Amino acid sequence: MSETSETLRKYLSPTSYIDSDSLEIIEFSTKHAKGASSEIEIAICLFYAVRDGIKYDPYQVSLSPEHVSAGKVLMKGSGWCVEKALVLAASCRVQDIPCRLRFANVRNHLASERLIRLMKTDLFVFHGYNEIYLDDNWVKATPAFDIDLCRRHGVNPLEFDGIHDSIFHEHDGQGNRYMEYIHDYGHFDDLPLEKIIEEFKKYYPHFFTEKEVDSLQQ
């Protein structure tokens, strides 16, 4: 369903979290969109730049507002799924391509033992990805897992063609069960940080009490 320009405006505007007006984001977006001749081509270029140019790291998570923004993610060069979604959203907005955030709870049946020990579950709460408005349609894009990570774990990296939704596969390359979508939170024009913290406290209460994960409180 096509959207009106008024409706799309909020998916084009910079925010403190999706800081598409920051120098870092503008330079990143301009560099990777160079040479693309259509909005779809630009979105594809930006997707791969974020997917592979920013390493996926679920072990350095901060839920402190002053530490969360697309520009800050670029400066450190790594991030968890929500942070990478911020970068893709901001980069698209620089190019006047509407982009919003979407969140879901997913069960990772192939999660590493290290990550399960940290989370005490294989449920990823508030997994973040994007929806990009292209050719009058919202297309899902998931830039979370970089290609090197996928190769190490034997799963196919997610591709994006600007037409079809790009979301996690149900099975890996060997037919093992991989990702299962459990709950959909819907889409947002900005990062719902308070809601994320609320859900993390519900599903991961140990994050807020154990010293080994105090990075969440920094």
C-alpha atoms as a PDB file:
ATOM      1  CA  MET A   1       0.000   0.000   0.000  1.00  0.00           C
ATOM      2  CA  SER A   2       1.458   3.363  -1.031  1.00  0.00           C
ATOM      3  CA  GLU A   3       2.026   6.023   1.627  1.00  0.00           C
ATOM      4  CA  THR A   4       1.473   9.770   1.467  1.00  0.00           C
ATOM      5  CA  SER A   5       4.391  12.193   1.646  1.00  0.00           C
ATOM      6  CA  GLU A   6       3.049  13.403   4.980  1.00  0.00           C
ATOM      7  CA  THR A   7       3.053   9.881   6.392  1.00  0.00           C
ATOM      8  CA  LEU A   8       6.555   9.207   5.112  1.00  0.00           C
ATOM      9  CA  ARG A   9       8.075  12.383   6.548  1.00  0.00           C
ATOM     10  CA  LYS A  10       8.702  10.854   9.971  1.00  0.00           C
ATOM     11  CA  TYR A  11      10.668   8.038   8.329  1.00  0.00           C
ATOM     12  CA  LEU A  12      12.985  10.581   6.699  1.00  0.00           C
ATOM     13  CA  SER A  13      13.727  12.830   9.667  1.00  0.00           C
ATOM     14  CA  PRO A  14      16.852  12.621  11.837  1.00  0.00           C
ATOM     15  CA  THR A  15      16.534  11.788  15.531  1.00  0.00           C
ATOM     16  CA  SER A  16      19.033  11.544  18.367  1.00  0.00           C
ATOM     17  CA  TYR A  17      19.246   7.774  17.781  1.00  0.00           C
ATOM     18  CA  ILE A  18      18.842   7.743  14.000  1.00  0.00           C
ATOM     19  CA  ASP A  19      21.180  10.689  13.517  1.00  0.00           C
ATOM     20  CA  SER A  20      21.063  10.961   9.742  1.00  0.00           C
ATOM     21  CA  ASP A  21      22.289  14.560  10.114  1.00  0.00           C
ATOM     22  CA  SER A  22      25.596  13.484  11.692  1.00  0.00           C
ATOM     23  CA  LEU A  23      28.790  13.910   9.686  1.00  0.00           C
ATOM     24  CA  GLU A  24      29.764  10.256  10.159  1.00  0.00           C
ATOM     25  CA  ILE A  25      26.481   8.969   8.762  1.00  0.00           C
ATOM     26  CA  ILE A  26      26.386  11.440   5.872  1.00  0.00           C
ATOM     27  CA  GLU A  27      29.910  10.458   4.804  1.00  0.00           C
ATOM     28  CA  PHE A  28      29.179   6.735   5.144  1.00  0.00           C
ATOM     29  CA  SER A  29      25.917   6.936   3.204  1.00  0.00           C
ATOM     30  CA  THR A  30      27.351   9.143   0.462  1.00  0.00           C
ATOM     31  CA  LYS A  31      30.374   6.889   0.009  1.00  0.00           C
ATOM     32  CA  HIS A  32      28.394   3.677  -0.340  1.00  0.00           C
ATOM     33  CA  ALA A  33      25.559   5.133  -2.437  1.00  0.00           C
ATOM     34  CA  LYS A  34      27.999   6.560  -4.980  1.00  0.00           C
ATOM     35  CA  GLY A  35      27.376   5.210  -8.467  1.00  0.00           C
ATOM     36  CA  ALA A  36      23.920   3.800  -7.731  1.00  0.00           C
ATOM     37  CA  SER A  37      21.322   5.133 -10.155  1.00  0.00           C
ATOM     38  CA  SER A  38      18.019   4.294  -8.434  1.00  0.00           C
ATOM     39  CA  GLU A  39      16.583   4.162  -4.938  1.00  0.00           C
ATOM     40  CA  ILE A  40      16.572   0.362  -5.033  1.00  0.00           C
ATOM     41  CA  GLU A  41      20.224   0.258  -6.064  1.00  0.00           C
ATOM     42  CA  ILE A  42      21.128   2.753  -3.323  1.00  0.00           C
ATOM     43  CA  ALA A  43      19.254   0.739  -0.697  1.00  0.00           C
ATOM     44  CA  ILE A  44      21.008  -2.455  -1.810  1.00  0.00           C
ATOM     45  CA  CYS A  45      24.423  -0.801  -1.590  1.00  0.00           C
ATOM     46  CA  LEU A  46      23.679   0.562   1.879  1.00  0.00           C
ATOM     47  CA  PHE A  47      22.360  -2.792   3.095  1.00  0.00           C
ATOM     48  CA  TYR A  48      25.585  -4.601   2.201  1.00  0.00           C
ATOM     49  CA  ALA A  49      27.737  -1.779   3.546  1.00  0.00           C
ATOM     50  CA  VAL A  50      26.040  -2.137   6.928  1.00  0.00           C
ATOM     51  CA  ARG A  51      25.783  -5.937   6.864  1.00  0.00           C
ATOM     52  CA  ASP A  52      29.469  -6.527   6.205  1.00  0.00           C
ATOM     53  CA  GLY A  53      31.112  -3.237   7.107  1.00  0.00           C
ATOM     54  CA  ILE A  54      29.905  -3.269  10.704  1.00  0.00           C
ATOM     55  CA  LYS A  55      30.714  -6.474  12.557  1.00  0.00           C
ATOM     56  CA  TYR A  56      27.930  -8.108  14.543  1.00  0.00           C
ATOM     57  CA  ASP A  57      28.750  -8.043  18.267  1.00  0.00           C
ATOM     58  CA  PRO A  58      26.084  -9.061  20.821  1.00  0.00           C
ATOM     59  CA  TYR A  59      28.540  -8.916  23.724  1.00  0.00           C
ATOM     60  CA  GLN A  60      28.967  -5.137  23.949  1.00  0.00           C
ATOM     61  CA  VAL A  61      25.427  -3.878  24.503  1.00  0.00           C
ATOM     62  CA  SER A  62      24.664  -0.496  26.033  1.00  0.00           C
ATOM     63  CA  LEU A  63      21.153   0.683  26.841  1.00  0.00           C
ATOM     64  CA  SER A  64      22.289   4.104  28.005  1.00  0.00           C
ATOM     65  CA  PRO A  65      20.775   6.848  25.776  1.00  0.00           C
ATOM     66  CA  GLU A  66      24.019   8.793  25.464  1.00  0.00           C
ATOM     67  CA  HIS A  67      25.774   5.730  24.049  1.00  0.00           C
ATOM     68  CA  VAL A  68      23.173   4.771  21.444  1.00  0.00           C
ATOM     69  CA  SER A  69      23.158   6.344  17.985  1.00  0.00           C
ATOM     70  CA  ALA A  70      23.912   5.355  14.419  1.00  0.00           C
ATOM     71  CA  GLY A  71      26.924   7.663  14.317  1.00  0.00           C
ATOM     72  CA  LYS A  72      28.435   6.121  17.443  1.00  0.00           C
ATOM     73  CA  VAL A  73      27.995   2.626  15.986  1.00  0.00           C
ATOM     74  CA  LEU A  74      29.921   3.678  12.891  1.00  0.00           C
ATOM     75  CA  MET A  75      32.750   5.064  14.988  1.00  0.00           C
ATOM     76  CA  LYS A  76      33.226   1.785  16.883  1.00  0.00           C
ATOM     77  CA  GLY A  77      32.758  -0.365  13.769  1.00  0.00           C
ATOM     78  CA  SER A  78      30.606  -3.040  15.396  1.00  0.00           C
ATOM     79  CA  GLY A  79      27.206  -3.447  16.984  1.00  0.00           C
ATOM     80  CA  TRP A  80      24.332  -5.754  17.841  1.00  0.00           C
ATOM     81  CA  CYS A  81      21.292  -6.071  15.601  1.00  0.00           C
ATOM     82  CA  VAL A  82      19.509  -2.966  16.937  1.00  0.00           C
ATOM     83  CA  GLU A  83      22.581  -0.789  16.460  1.00  0.00           C
ATOM     84  CA  LYS A  84      23.132  -2.017  12.914  1.00  0.00           C
ATOM     85  CA  ALA A  85      19.482  -1.305  12.115  1.00  0.00           C
ATOM     86  CA  LEU A  86      20.005   2.256  13.350  1.00  0.00           C
ATOM     87  CA  VAL A  87      22.868   2.706  10.891  1.00  0.00           C
ATOM     88  CA  LEU A  88      20.885   1.384   7.937  1.00  0.00           C
ATOM     89  CA  ALA A  89      17.890   3.562   8.823  1.00  0.00           C
ATOM     90  CA  ALA A  90      20.033   6.677   9.139  1.00  0.00           C
ATOM     91  CA  SER A  91      21.968   5.923   5.948  1.00  0.00           C
ATOM     92  CA  CYS A  92      18.776   5.507   3.937  1.00  0.00           C
ATOM     93  CA  ARG A  93      17.345   8.724   5.336  1.00  0.00           C
ATOM     94  CA  VAL A  94      20.420  10.622   4.169  1.00  0.00           C
ATOM     95  CA  GLN A  95      19.488   9.529   0.640  1.00  0.00           C
ATOM     96  CA  ASP A  96      15.836  10.599   1.129  1.00  0.00           C
ATOM     97  CA  ILE A  97      14.727   6.973   1.205  1.00  0.00           C
ATOM     98  CA  PRO A  98      12.147   6.365   3.963  1.00  0.00           C
ATOM     99  CA  CYS A  99      13.351   3.756   6.419  1.00  0.00           C
ATOM    100  CA  ARG A 100      11.977   2.614   9.758  1.00  0.00           C
ATOM    101  CA  LEU A 101      12.808   0.138  12.492  1.00  0.00           C
ATOM    102  CA  ARG A 102      10.994  -3.109  13.179  1.00  0.00           C
ATOM    103  CA  PHE A 103      11.411  -5.451  16.123  1.00  0.00           C
ATOM    104  CA  ALA A 104      10.612  -9.066  16.902  1.00  0.00           C
ATOM    105  CA  ASN A 105      11.467 -11.780  19.390  1.00  0.00           C
ATOM    106  CA  VAL A 106      13.279 -14.604  17.624  1.00  0.00           C
ATOM    107  CA  ARG A 107      14.493 -17.965  18.860  1.00  0.00           C
ATOM    108  CA  ASN A 108      17.961 -18.790  17.586  1.00  0.00           C
ATOM    109  CA  HIS A 109      18.164 -22.579  17.524  1.00  0.00           C
ATOM    110  CA  LEU A 110      21.841 -22.374  16.550  1.00  0.00           C
ATOM    111  CA  ALA A 111      22.958 -19.784  19.090  1.00  0.00           C
ATOM    112  CA  SER A 112      26.481 -20.298  20.404  1.00  0.00           C
ATOM    113  CA  GLU A 113      27.021 -21.764  23.855  1.00  0.00           C
ATOM    114  CA  ARG A 114      28.768 -18.568  24.902  1.00  0.00           C
ATOM    115  CA  LEU A 115      25.787 -16.438  23.961  1.00  0.00           C
ATOM    116  CA  ILE A 116      23.305 -18.782  25.636  1.00  0.00           C
ATOM    117  CA  ARG A 117      25.370 -18.659  28.822  1.00  0.00           C
ATOM    118  CA  LEU A 118      25.208 -14.875  28.730  1.00  0.00           C
ATOM    119  CA  MET A 119      21.510 -14.609  27.910  1.00  0.00           C
ATOM    120  CA  LYS A 120      20.414 -17.770  29.786  1.00  0.00           C
ATOM    121  CA  THR A 121      18.104 -18.485  26.840  1.00  0.00           C
ATOM    122  CA  ASP A 122      18.122 -18.854  23.063  1.00  0.00           C
ATOM    123  CA  LEU A 123      15.393 -16.196  22.768  1.00  0.00           C
ATOM    124  CA  PHE A 124      16.571 -12.919  21.257  1.00  0.00           C
ATOM    125  CA  VAL A 125      14.248 -10.228  22.613  1.00  0.00           C
ATOM    126  CA  PHE A 126      13.699  -7.090  20.522  1.00  0.00           C
ATOM    127  CA  HIS A 127      15.737  -8.285  17.562  1.00  0.00           C
ATOM    128  CA  GLY A 128      16.056  -5.217  15.364  1.00  0.00           C
ATOM    129  CA  TYR A 129      15.837  -4.944  11.603  1.00  0.00           C
ATOM    130  CA  ASN A 130      14.542  -2.465   9.005  1.00  0.00           C
ATOM    131  CA  GLU A 131      11.750  -1.713   6.594  1.00  0.00           C
ATOM    132  CA  ILE A 132      12.712   0.396   3.582  1.00  0.00           C
ATOM    133  CA  TYR A 133      10.117   2.140   1.399  1.00  0.00           C
ATOM    134  CA  LEU A 134      10.900   1.258  -2.223  1.00  0.00           C
ATOM    135  CA  ASP A 135       8.600   1.450  -5.240  1.00  0.00           C
ATOM    136  CA  ASP A 136       5.595   2.188  -3.014  1.00  0.00           C
ATOM    137  CA  ASN A 137       6.200  -0.853  -0.790  1.00  0.00           C
ATOM    138  CA  TRP A 138       7.799  -1.451   2.584  1.00  0.00           C
ATOM    139  CA  VAL A 139      10.508  -4.091   2.142  1.00  0.00           C
ATOM    140  CA  LYS A 140      12.088  -5.824   5.144  1.00  0.00           C
ATOM    141  CA  ALA A 141      15.881  -5.796   5.426  1.00  0.00           C
ATOM    142  CA  THR A 142      17.952  -7.543   8.110  1.00  0.00           C
ATOM    143  CA  PRO A 143      21.615  -6.412   8.115  1.00  0.00           C
ATOM    144  CA  ALA A 144      22.511  -8.008  11.468  1.00  0.00           C
ATOM    145  CA  PHE A 145      24.846 -10.941  10.699  1.00  0.00           C
ATOM    146  CA  ASP A 146      27.933 -10.080   8.640  1.00  0.00           C
ATOM    147  CA  ILE A 147      29.179 -12.521   6.024  1.00  0.00           C
ATOM    148  CA  ASP A 148      32.270 -13.581   7.996  1.00  0.00           C
ATOM    149  CA  LEU A 149      30.119 -14.535  10.983  1.00  0.00           C
ATOM    150  CA  CYS A 150      27.762 -16.525   8.755  1.00  0.00           C
ATOM    151  CA  ARG A 151      30.650 -18.421   7.198  1.00  0.00           C
ATOM    152  CA  ARG A 152      32.047 -19.339  10.616  1.00  0.00           C
ATOM    153  CA  HIS A 153      28.695 -20.729  11.723  1.00  0.00           C
ATOM    154  CA  GLY A 154      27.748 -22.410   8.444  1.00  0.00           C
ATOM    155  CA  VAL A 155      24.615 -20.376   7.709  1.00  0.00           C
ATOM    156  CA  ASN A 156      23.697 -18.510   4.561  1.00  0.00           C
ATOM    157  CA  PRO A 157      24.057 -14.725   4.847  1.00  0.00           C
ATOM    158  CA  LEU A 158      20.894 -12.762   4.196  1.00  0.00           C
ATOM    159  CA  GLU A 159      20.762 -11.147   0.776  1.00  0.00           C
ATOM    160  CA  PHE A 160      18.712  -8.116  -0.240  1.00  0.00           C
ATOM    161  CA  ASP A 161      17.375  -7.205  -3.681  1.00  0.00           C
ATOM    162  CA  GLY A 162      15.174  -4.265  -2.727  1.00  0.00           C
ATOM    163  CA  ILE A 163      12.049  -6.142  -3.810  1.00  0.00           C
ATOM    164  CA  HIS A 164      11.670  -9.189  -1.569  1.00  0.00           C
ATOM    165  CA  ASP A 165      11.734  -9.260   2.223  1.00  0.00           C
ATOM    166  CA  SER A 166      15.080 -10.214   3.723  1.00  0.00           C
ATOM    167  CA  ILE A 167      14.493 -11.937   7.068  1.00  0.00           C
ATOM    168  CA  PHE A 168      16.193 -14.796   8.888  1.00  0.00           C
ATOM    169  CA  HIS A 169      16.029 -18.269   7.373  1.00  0.00           C
ATOM    170  CA  GLU A 170      14.046 -20.983   9.145  1.00  0.00           C
ATOM    171  CA  HIS A 171      16.843 -23.498   8.465  1.00  0.00           C
ATOM    172  CA  ASP A 172      20.569 -23.363   7.860  1.00  0.00           C
ATOM    173  CA  GLY A 173      22.405 -24.727   4.827  1.00  0.00           C
ATOM    174  CA  GLN A 174      22.385 -28.258   6.263  1.00  0.00           C
ATOM    175  CA  GLY A 175      18.659 -28.274   6.989  1.00  0.00           C
ATOM    176  CA  ASN A 176      18.967 -27.683  10.729  1.00  0.00           C
ATOM    177  CA  ARG A 177      16.397 -25.467  12.348  1.00  0.00           C
ATOM    178  CA  TYR A 178      17.796 -21.947  12.598  1.00  0.00           C
ATOM    179  CA  MET A 179      15.585 -18.935  13.363  1.00  0.00           C
ATOM    180  CA  GLU A 180      12.005 -18.910  14.607  1.00  0.00           C
ATOM    181  CA  TYR A 181      10.002 -15.673  14.816  1.00  0.00           C
ATOM    182  CA  ILE A 182       8.053 -15.690  18.083  1.00  0.00           C
ATOM    183  CA  HIS A 183       6.571 -12.222  18.537  1.00  0.00           C
ATOM    184  CA  ASP A 184       6.304  -9.077  16.400  1.00  0.00           C
ATOM    185  CA  TYR A 185       6.481  -5.653  18.072  1.00  0.00           C
ATOM    186  CA  GLY A 186       5.679  -3.795  14.874  1.00  0.00           C
ATOM    187  CA  HIS A 187       7.443  -0.840  13.273  1.00  0.00           C
ATOM    188  CA  PHE A 188       8.757   2.424  14.734  1.00  0.00           C
ATOM    189  CA  ASP A 189      10.008   5.696  13.301  1.00  0.00           C
ATOM    190  CA  ASP A 190      12.590   5.957  16.119  1.00  0.00           C
ATOM    191  CA  LEU A 191      14.265   3.702  18.656  1.00  0.00           C
ATOM    192  CA  PRO A 192      11.809   2.752  21.477  1.00  0.00           C
ATOM    193  CA  LEU A 193      14.615   2.509  24.031  1.00  0.00           C
ATOM    194  CA  GLU A 194      12.384   2.583  27.101  1.00  0.00           C
ATOM    195  CA  LYS A 195      10.311  -0.299  25.733  1.00  0.00           C
ATOM    196  CA  ILE A 196      13.480  -2.283  24.961  1.00  0.00           C
ATOM    197  CA  ILE A 197      14.734  -1.792  28.529  1.00  0.00           C
ATOM    198  CA  GLU A 198      11.334  -2.821  29.870  1.00  0.00           C
ATOM    199  CA  GLU A 199      11.378  -6.049  27.845  1.00  0.00           C
ATOM    200  CA  PHE A 200      15.009  -6.804  28.698  1.00  0.00           C
ATOM    201  CA  LYS A 201      14.193  -6.513  32.400  1.00  0.00           C
ATOM    202  CA  LYS A 202      11.358  -8.981  31.880  1.00  0.00           C
ATOM    203  CA  TYR A 203      13.295 -11.573  29.864  1.00  0.00           C
ATOM    204  CA  TYR A 204      16.879 -10.942  31.031  1.00  0.00           C
ATOM    205  CA  PRO A 205      16.627  -9.743  34.658  1.00  0.00           C
ATOM    206  CA  HIS A 206      20.186 -10.945  35.316  1.00  0.00           C
ATOM    207  CA  PHE A 207      21.468  -8.266  32.920  1.00  0.00           C
ATOM    208  CA  PHE A 208      20.572  -5.683  35.524  1.00  0.00           C
ATOM    209  CA  THR A 209      21.961  -7.478  38.575  1.00  0.00           C
ATOM    210  CA  GLU A 210      25.085  -9.388  37.555  1.00  0.00           C
ATOM    211  CA  LYS A 211      28.413  -7.604  37.384  1.00  0.00           C
ATOM    212  CA  GLU A 212      29.638  -9.443  34.301  1.00  0.00           C
ATOM    213  CA  VAL A 213      27.078  -7.655  32.103  1.00  0.00           C
ATOM    214  CA  ASP A 214      27.345  -4.194  33.632  1.00  0.00           C
ATOM    215  CA  SER A 215      27.954  -2.770  30.165  1.00  0.00           C
ATOM    216  CA  LEU A 216      24.169  -2.535  29.867  1.00  0.00           C
ATOM    217  CA  GLN A 217      24.146   0.059  32.630  1.00  0.00           C
ATOM    218  CA  GLN A 218      27.095   2.116  31.417  1.00  0.00           C
END
